[in-house]
Amino acid sequence: MTERLSPLDAIHRAAGATFTDFAGWQMPVRYSSDLAEHKAVRTAAGLFDLSHMGEIVVVGPEADRALDYALAGKLSASAEGQAKYTLLLARHGGVIDDLVVYRTGADRYLVVANAANVAHVADELRARTAPFDCEVFDESDDMALIAVQGPKALDILTSTAGFGIQGDGNDHDDFVDAVSGMKYYRAVAAEFAEQPVLVARTGYTGEDGFELYVSPDQAPALWEALAEAGEAHGLVPAGLASRDTLRLEAGMPLYGHELTRDTFPAQAGLGRVVALGKEVDFVGRAASEEGPAADAPVLVGLASEGRRAGRAGYALFDGEGADASEAGVITSGALSPTLGHPIAMAYVAPRHAATGTTLYVDVRGTRIAASVVDLPFYRREK
């Protein structure tokens, strides 16, 4: 299979990035060290290339009704400029993908999918919305995605030259006012160097930050401008390795780890994302109303002492001895750069899920005690 390259690939290679394959894309996994990039995002800001994500546009007079049927959330209730985290459910209630959906016009939505699922999400949306007066376009090849995440993100964005607001004379002051007053999970149609860019106050790191959707041709200039303006604020380029530890500390589930087609949202603590109060039917509703089996595993947080961290796939036991029973499995785990001790998310049987329960992680043959704790592990100060 041909490896796909980001429009920012040359910039990453010039910066000395190390790459990894991610859903067929060659993407930067780190530039310096995972720890340094992680800490920069927690204390200043990091600059991420997320161009491997998928962007799918749903447009038409019945786009709102169509998405209410296709997705777990009530998208018709979103105001223009509002974003919503939602799920694409299978009919049996499992998670096909988790999505962020922006309402970018009265009859227009931008659906952002995980890289590994783009084609399938687009196909599902086309099939589910076919009875409605709307069309679905996969615009992933026509859009790059750059994220600035961290407590200095707003300062960096507003000090970057070249931004303006669409339709308001391309005035930088208007742009500063718009993004400074923007609430979380909101977006504004802006311009950079007189070209369209959607600026959203969203992210997946647990920090304040912005995600910028721009044409691939414009992405290198935007990246360089942000990097130049951010240097004085401590901005560093950050790879996918640090993004993974950041989202783990923030207790954010990741498709393929905490979310799968065999997982009900309620098992992952996402039952609230499924809008059972919607007046209309939607794919996966009947299964969601029935819910998972009473003994279905549930997602918990785990914290332990020392430096040896459990990783995805490591088994959990209810005791240290050879007669202990298997209690669950870790889905994501790492030595927390912020907290300084091992953390993990894991699926365990409900009888092991109470906060304070002691379980044992099998780390290459050694049983290490871990306590069930509330998620998230880290919450930023506001």
Protein backbone atom coordinates (compact mmCIF):
# COMPACT_ATOMS: atom_id res chain seq x y z
CA MET A 1 0.00 0.00 0.00
CA THR A 2 1.27 3.48 -0.87
CA GLU A 3 2.18 5.48 2.22
CA ARG A 4 0.28 8.72 2.47
CA LEU A 5 2.23 11.87 3.32
CA SER A 6 1.03 14.99 5.08
CA PRO A 7 1.25 18.30 3.18
CA LEU A 8 3.62 19.24 6.04
CA ASP A 9 5.91 16.25 5.45
CA ALA A 10 8.89 18.30 4.19
CA ILE A 11 8.68 20.61 7.23
CA HIS A 12 8.65 17.65 9.61
CA ARG A 13 11.66 16.02 7.94
CA ALA A 14 13.58 19.31 8.01
CA ALA A 15 12.83 19.52 11.74
CA GLY A 16 14.32 16.05 12.29
CA ALA A 17 11.07 14.29 13.17
CA THR A 18 10.84 10.55 13.71
CA PHE A 19 7.92 9.03 11.83
CA THR A 20 5.43 6.25 12.43
CA ASP A 21 2.86 4.56 10.27
CA PHE A 22 -0.63 5.58 11.34
CA ALA A 23 -3.55 4.21 9.34
CA GLY A 24 -1.44 4.24 6.18
CA TRP A 25 0.00 7.71 6.83
CA GLN A 26 3.61 8.53 7.63
CA MET A 27 3.14 10.94 10.53
CA PRO A 28 5.63 12.50 13.00
CA VAL A 29 5.71 10.56 16.26
CA ARG A 30 8.24 12.91 17.93
CA TYR A 31 10.67 15.73 17.15
CA SER A 32 12.82 15.78 20.30
CA SER A 33 11.54 13.61 23.16
CA ASP A 34 8.08 12.43 24.14
CA LEU A 35 8.54 13.83 27.66
CA ALA A 36 9.67 17.30 26.51
CA GLU A 37 6.84 17.63 24.01
CA HIS A 38 4.27 16.44 26.56
CA LYS A 39 5.46 18.90 29.20
CA ALA A 40 5.54 21.75 26.68
CA VAL A 41 1.83 21.22 25.97
CA ARG A 42 0.99 21.18 29.70
CA THR A 43 3.02 24.33 30.49
CA ALA A 44 3.13 26.34 27.22
CA ALA A 45 1.96 24.91 23.89
CA GLY A 46 2.53 22.23 21.27
CA LEU A 47 2.01 22.36 17.51
CA PHE A 48 0.48 19.18 16.05
CA ASP A 49 -0.05 17.98 12.50
CA LEU A 50 -3.32 16.03 12.42
CA SER A 51 -3.76 15.98 8.66
CA HIS A 52 -4.38 12.24 8.74
CA MET A 53 -7.82 12.84 10.26
CA GLY A 54 -10.81 12.63 7.93
CA GLU A 55 -13.15 15.49 7.02
CA ILE A 56 -16.59 14.67 5.61
CA VAL A 57 -19.12 17.33 4.66
CA VAL A 58 -22.88 16.73 4.88
CA VAL A 59 -24.87 19.47 3.16
CA GLY A 60 -28.47 20.01 2.16
CA PRO A 61 -31.88 21.19 3.45
CA GLU A 62 -32.33 18.00 5.50
CA ALA A 63 -28.75 17.59 6.68
CA ASP A 64 -29.80 18.15 10.30
CA ARG A 65 -32.54 15.50 10.21
CA ALA A 66 -30.23 13.13 8.34
CA LEU A 67 -27.50 13.37 10.98
CA ASP A 68 -30.03 13.00 13.80
CA TYR A 69 -30.87 9.62 12.25
CA ALA A 70 -27.29 8.65 11.36
CA LEU A 71 -25.54 9.56 14.62
CA ALA A 72 -26.08 9.07 18.35
CA GLY A 73 -26.25 12.79 19.15
CA LYS A 74 -28.91 15.41 18.38
CA LEU A 75 -27.03 17.38 15.76
CA SER A 76 -30.09 19.44 14.77
CA ALA A 77 -29.83 21.12 18.19
CA SER A 78 -26.36 22.49 17.42
CA ALA A 79 -26.17 26.20 16.63
CA GLU A 80 -24.15 27.44 13.67
CA GLY A 81 -20.51 27.58 14.75
CA GLN A 82 -21.00 24.93 17.44
CA ALA A 83 -19.13 21.63 17.64
CA LYS A 84 -20.40 18.41 19.19
CA TYR A 85 -18.68 15.17 20.22
CA THR A 86 -20.79 12.24 19.04
CA LEU A 87 -20.69 8.59 18.00
CA LEU A 88 -21.42 6.56 14.90
CA LEU A 89 -23.11 3.46 16.27
CA ALA A 90 -23.65 0.06 14.71
CA ARG A 91 -27.20 -1.29 14.83
CA HIS A 92 -26.15 -3.65 17.63
CA GLY A 93 -25.02 -0.65 19.70
CA GLY A 94 -21.23 -0.90 19.28
CA VAL A 95 -19.08 2.09 18.35
CA ILE A 96 -18.01 2.33 14.69
CA ASP A 97 -16.20 5.62 15.35
CA ASP A 98 -16.21 8.64 17.61
CA LEU A 99 -16.59 11.96 15.80
CA VAL A 100 -16.53 15.71 16.23
CA VAL A 101 -19.24 17.38 14.15
CA TYR A 102 -19.21 21.11 13.42
CA ARG A 103 -22.31 22.93 12.22
CA THR A 104 -20.69 25.29 9.72
CA GLY A 105 -23.91 26.63 8.17
CA ALA A 106 -27.69 26.40 8.40
CA ASP A 107 -27.66 23.28 6.21
CA ARG A 108 -23.98 22.29 6.34
CA TYR A 109 -22.00 20.10 8.76
CA LEU A 110 -18.34 19.06 8.91
CA VAL A 111 -17.84 15.56 10.32
CA VAL A 112 -14.31 14.78 11.54
CA ALA A 113 -13.48 11.06 11.70
CA ASN A 114 -10.50 9.04 12.89
CA ALA A 115 -7.97 8.31 10.15
CA ALA A 116 -8.47 4.55 10.14
CA ASN A 117 -12.24 4.88 9.71
CA VAL A 118 -12.68 7.67 7.16
CA ALA A 119 -13.85 5.59 4.21
CA HIS A 120 -16.19 3.51 6.32
CA VAL A 121 -17.67 6.55 8.07
CA ALA A 122 -18.26 8.24 4.70
CA ASP A 123 -19.93 5.09 3.32
CA GLU A 124 -22.13 4.73 6.40
CA LEU A 125 -23.17 8.38 6.25
CA ARG A 126 -24.04 8.10 2.56
CA ALA A 127 -26.16 5.00 3.19
CA ARG A 128 -27.89 6.36 6.29
CA THR A 129 -28.64 9.81 4.86
CA ALA A 130 -29.81 8.55 1.44
CA PRO A 131 -33.54 8.96 2.27
CA PHE A 132 -32.98 12.63 3.15
CA ASP A 133 -32.45 15.72 0.98
CA CYS A 134 -28.71 16.10 1.50
CA GLU A 135 -25.38 14.98 0.06
CA VAL A 136 -22.19 13.58 1.61
CA PHE A 137 -18.72 14.53 0.38
CA ASP A 138 -15.44 13.09 1.65
CA GLU A 139 -13.17 16.16 1.54
CA SER A 140 -10.29 14.60 3.48
CA ASP A 141 -7.86 15.01 0.57
CA ASP A 142 -8.73 18.71 0.35
CA MET A 143 -8.16 19.60 3.97
CA ALA A 144 -5.18 19.70 6.33
CA LEU A 145 -5.52 19.96 10.10
CA ILE A 146 -3.13 21.78 12.43
CA ALA A 147 -3.63 21.98 16.19
CA VAL A 148 -2.16 24.41 18.73
CA GLN A 149 -2.70 23.01 22.22
CA GLY A 150 -1.69 24.34 25.60
CA PRO A 151 -2.22 27.25 28.02
CA LYS A 152 -0.43 29.63 25.63
CA ALA A 153 -2.50 28.60 22.58
CA LEU A 154 -4.69 31.71 22.54
CA ASP A 155 -1.70 34.04 22.91
CA ILE A 156 0.03 32.30 20.02
CA LEU A 157 -2.99 32.37 17.75
CA THR A 158 -3.71 36.04 18.35
CA SER A 159 -0.08 37.04 17.83
CA THR A 160 0.20 35.21 14.50
CA ALA A 161 0.11 37.61 11.56
CA GLY A 162 -2.16 36.99 8.61
CA PHE A 163 -5.45 36.04 10.28
CA GLY A 164 -8.78 37.76 9.65
CA ILE A 165 -12.49 36.99 9.81
CA GLN A 166 -14.36 36.07 6.65
CA GLY A 167 -16.69 38.84 5.50
CA ASP A 168 -15.42 41.43 7.95
CA GLY A 169 -12.74 43.05 5.85
CA ASN A 170 -10.03 40.60 6.86
CA ASP A 171 -9.26 42.65 9.96
CA HIS A 172 -6.83 41.09 12.45
CA ASP A 173 -8.50 42.87 15.37
CA ASP A 174 -11.82 41.25 14.47
CA PHE A 175 -10.07 37.88 14.48
CA VAL A 176 -8.52 38.53 17.90
CA ASP A 177 -11.93 39.52 19.30
CA ALA A 178 -13.60 36.46 17.79
CA VAL A 179 -11.17 33.82 19.06
CA SER A 180 -10.58 35.51 22.43
CA GLY A 181 -14.29 35.35 23.24
CA MET A 182 -14.85 31.93 21.72
CA LYS A 183 -16.23 29.25 24.04
CA TYR A 184 -14.89 25.70 24.03
CA TYR A 185 -16.35 23.55 21.24
CA ARG A 186 -17.12 26.56 19.04
CA ALA A 187 -15.66 27.49 15.66
CA VAL A 188 -15.44 30.52 13.41
CA ALA A 189 -14.95 30.87 9.65
CA ALA A 190 -11.72 32.83 9.37
CA GLU A 191 -9.01 33.61 6.83
CA PHE A 192 -5.27 33.17 6.83
CA ALA A 193 -3.34 34.99 4.12
CA GLU A 194 -6.75 35.69 2.55
CA GLN A 195 -7.54 31.96 2.27
CA PRO A 196 -10.34 30.20 4.21
CA VAL A 197 -9.52 28.49 7.50
CA LEU A 198 -11.96 27.11 10.04
CA VAL A 199 -10.67 27.93 13.52
CA ALA A 200 -12.15 25.72 16.25
CA ARG A 201 -11.57 25.81 19.99
CA THR A 202 -11.31 22.06 20.31
CA GLY A 203 -8.66 19.44 20.94
CA TYR A 204 -7.81 16.08 22.47
CA THR A 205 -5.09 16.87 24.98
CA GLY A 206 -6.97 18.07 28.06
CA GLU A 207 -5.67 21.61 27.51
CA ASP A 208 -7.15 24.74 26.02
CA GLY A 209 -6.34 24.93 22.35
CA PHE A 210 -7.38 25.38 18.78
CA GLU A 211 -7.68 23.19 15.69
CA LEU A 212 -7.35 24.83 12.29
CA TYR A 213 -8.79 23.30 9.12
CA VAL A 214 -7.07 24.67 6.03
CA SER A 215 -6.32 23.68 2.44
CA PRO A 216 -3.23 21.46 1.97
CA ASP A 217 -1.59 24.16 -0.16
CA GLN A 218 -1.93 26.71 2.62
CA ALA A 219 -0.90 24.39 5.47
CA PRO A 220 2.92 24.90 5.28
CA ALA A 221 2.60 28.70 5.43
CA LEU A 222 0.18 28.47 8.35
CA TRP A 223 2.44 26.03 10.24
CA GLU A 224 5.48 28.27 9.75
CA ALA A 225 3.59 31.40 10.83
CA LEU A 226 2.30 29.70 14.01
CA ALA A 227 5.76 28.31 14.78
CA GLU A 228 7.37 31.73 14.37
CA ALA A 229 4.78 33.52 16.52
CA GLY A 230 4.84 30.73 19.11
CA GLU A 231 8.58 30.59 19.65
CA ALA A 232 8.46 33.40 22.22
CA HIS A 233 5.65 31.57 24.06
CA GLY A 234 7.47 28.24 24.32
CA LEU A 235 5.65 26.52 21.45
CA VAL A 236 7.30 23.33 20.20
CA PRO A 237 6.29 20.90 17.45
CA ALA A 238 4.76 17.83 19.07
CA GLY A 239 4.25 14.33 17.70
CA LEU A 240 1.64 11.64 18.06
CA ALA A 241 3.44 9.96 20.98
CA SER A 242 2.94 12.96 23.25
CA ARG A 243 -0.62 13.40 21.99
CA ASP A 244 -1.36 9.87 23.19
CA THR A 245 -0.03 10.41 26.72
CA LEU A 246 -1.81 13.78 26.90
CA ARG A 247 -5.20 12.31 26.01
CA LEU A 248 -4.60 9.37 28.37
CA GLU A 249 -3.95 11.72 31.31
CA ALA A 250 -7.15 13.56 30.34
CA GLY A 251 -9.08 10.26 30.36
CA MET A 252 -10.14 10.61 26.75
CA PRO A 253 -11.02 7.33 25.01
CA LEU A 254 -9.37 6.42 21.72
CA TYR A 255 -10.96 4.39 18.97
CA GLY A 256 -9.27 0.99 18.68
CA HIS A 257 -8.34 1.05 22.38
CA GLU A 258 -11.23 2.13 24.61
CA LEU A 259 -13.81 2.22 21.79
CA THR A 260 -14.54 -0.67 19.44
CA ARG A 261 -17.46 -2.12 17.53
CA ASP A 262 -17.96 -4.54 20.42
CA THR A 263 -18.15 -1.74 22.99
CA PHE A 264 -21.37 -0.02 24.08
CA PRO A 265 -20.88 3.70 24.86
CA ALA A 266 -22.19 3.11 28.39
CA GLN A 267 -19.32 0.69 29.05
CA ALA A 268 -16.84 3.48 28.24
CA GLY A 269 -18.64 6.07 30.39
CA LEU A 270 -20.12 7.70 27.29
CA GLY A 271 -23.77 6.82 27.88
CA ARG A 272 -24.59 10.53 28.06
CA VAL A 273 -23.40 10.98 24.46
CA VAL A 274 -26.25 8.79 23.19
CA ALA A 275 -29.29 11.09 22.96
CA LEU A 276 -32.05 8.68 23.93
CA GLY A 277 -34.25 11.73 24.46
CA LYS A 278 -34.27 12.47 20.72
CA GLU A 279 -37.80 12.49 19.34
CA VAL A 280 -36.70 10.53 16.28
CA ASP A 281 -35.28 7.07 15.66
CA PHE A 282 -31.56 6.66 15.01
CA VAL A 283 -29.26 3.82 14.08
CA GLY A 284 -28.37 1.88 17.22
CA ARG A 285 -31.25 3.24 19.30
CA ALA A 286 -32.97 -0.05 20.09
CA ALA A 287 -29.73 -1.69 21.19
CA SER A 288 -28.74 1.37 23.23
CA GLU A 289 -32.08 1.39 25.04
CA GLU A 290 -31.57 -2.27 25.95
CA GLY A 291 -27.98 -1.53 26.98
CA PRO A 292 -25.03 -3.86 27.57
CA ALA A 293 -25.31 -7.02 29.63
CA ALA A 294 -25.21 -6.51 33.40
CA ASP A 295 -21.84 -8.25 33.62
CA ALA A 296 -20.29 -6.43 30.62
CA PRO A 297 -16.83 -4.96 31.37
CA VAL A 298 -16.68 -1.27 32.24
CA LEU A 299 -13.89 1.25 31.73
CA VAL A 300 -11.94 2.36 34.80
CA GLY A 301 -8.83 4.33 35.59
CA LEU A 302 -5.87 2.67 37.31
CA ALA A 303 -2.98 4.27 39.17
CA SER A 304 0.07 2.52 40.60
CA GLU A 305 3.39 3.33 42.21
CA GLY A 306 6.89 2.94 40.82
CA ARG A 307 8.00 3.36 37.22
CA ARG A 308 6.80 0.18 35.48
CA ALA A 309 3.63 0.91 33.53
CA GLY A 310 1.09 -1.52 32.16
CA ARG A 311 0.47 -1.25 28.43
CA ALA A 312 -2.44 -1.97 26.12
CA GLY A 313 -3.25 -5.67 26.19
CA TYR A 314 -1.71 -6.39 29.61
CA ALA A 315 -3.93 -8.58 31.79
CA LEU A 316 -5.31 -7.63 35.20
CA PHE A 317 -5.80 -10.04 38.08
CA ASP A 318 -7.73 -9.91 41.37
CA GLY A 319 -4.73 -11.13 43.37
CA GLU A 320 -0.97 -11.63 43.37
CA GLY A 321 -0.88 -15.41 43.61
CA ALA A 322 -1.06 -18.11 40.99
CA ASP A 323 -4.65 -18.83 41.99
CA ALA A 324 -5.80 -15.27 41.19
CA SER A 325 -8.50 -14.82 38.57
CA GLU A 326 -8.24 -12.58 35.52
CA ALA A 327 -10.16 -9.36 36.22
CA GLY A 328 -9.78 -7.39 33.00
CA VAL A 329 -7.38 -5.94 30.46
CA ILE A 330 -5.59 -2.63 30.00
CA THR A 331 -6.55 -0.63 26.91
CA SER A 332 -4.05 2.25 27.29
CA GLY A 333 -1.24 2.74 29.76
CA ALA A 334 1.88 4.82 30.33
CA LEU A 335 4.14 6.37 32.93
CA SER A 336 2.36 9.71 33.34
CA PRO A 337 4.74 12.57 32.47
CA THR A 338 2.67 15.03 34.52
CA LEU A 339 1.87 12.88 37.57
CA GLY A 340 5.11 10.91 37.68
CA HIS A 341 3.55 7.48 38.27
CA PRO A 342 1.99 4.79 36.05
CA ILE A 343 -1.61 5.28 34.89
CA ALA A 344 -3.87 3.19 32.69
CA MET A 345 -7.39 2.79 31.43
CA ALA A 346 -8.77 -0.73 31.52
CA TYR A 347 -11.94 -2.73 31.07
CA VAL A 348 -12.80 -4.75 34.17
CA ALA A 349 -15.77 -6.76 35.36
CA PRO A 350 -18.27 -4.53 37.22
CA ARG A 351 -17.48 -6.22 40.57
CA HIS A 352 -13.92 -4.86 40.28
CA ALA A 353 -14.86 -1.32 39.19
CA ALA A 354 -15.40 0.45 42.53
CA THR A 355 -13.00 3.30 43.25
CA GLY A 356 -10.27 2.12 45.60
CA THR A 357 -10.34 -1.52 44.48
CA THR A 358 -6.86 -3.05 44.28
CA LEU A 359 -6.04 -5.05 41.15
CA TYR A 360 -2.75 -6.44 39.88
CA VAL A 361 -1.21 -5.69 36.49
CA ASP A 362 0.83 -8.46 34.94
CA VAL A 363 3.91 -6.60 33.65
CA ARG A 364 5.98 -9.22 31.86
CA GLY A 365 5.44 -11.82 34.57
CA THR A 366 5.48 -9.52 37.61
CA ARG A 367 2.24 -8.60 39.38
CA ILE A 368 2.14 -4.87 40.22
CA ALA A 369 -0.61 -3.49 42.47
CA ALA A 370 -2.84 -0.79 40.96
CA SER A 371 -5.80 1.08 42.46
CA VAL A 372 -9.02 1.86 40.63
CA VAL A 373 -9.33 5.66 40.51
CA ASP A 374 -11.77 8.17 39.08
CA LEU A 375 -11.17 9.54 35.57
CA PRO A 376 -9.68 11.81 34.37
CA PHE A 377 -6.22 11.48 35.88
CA TYR A 378 -5.45 15.11 35.04
CA ARG A 379 -7.75 18.14 34.81
CA ARG A 380 -6.41 21.54 33.81
CA GLU A 381 -7.04 24.59 35.94
CA LYS A 382 -9.50 27.06 34.36
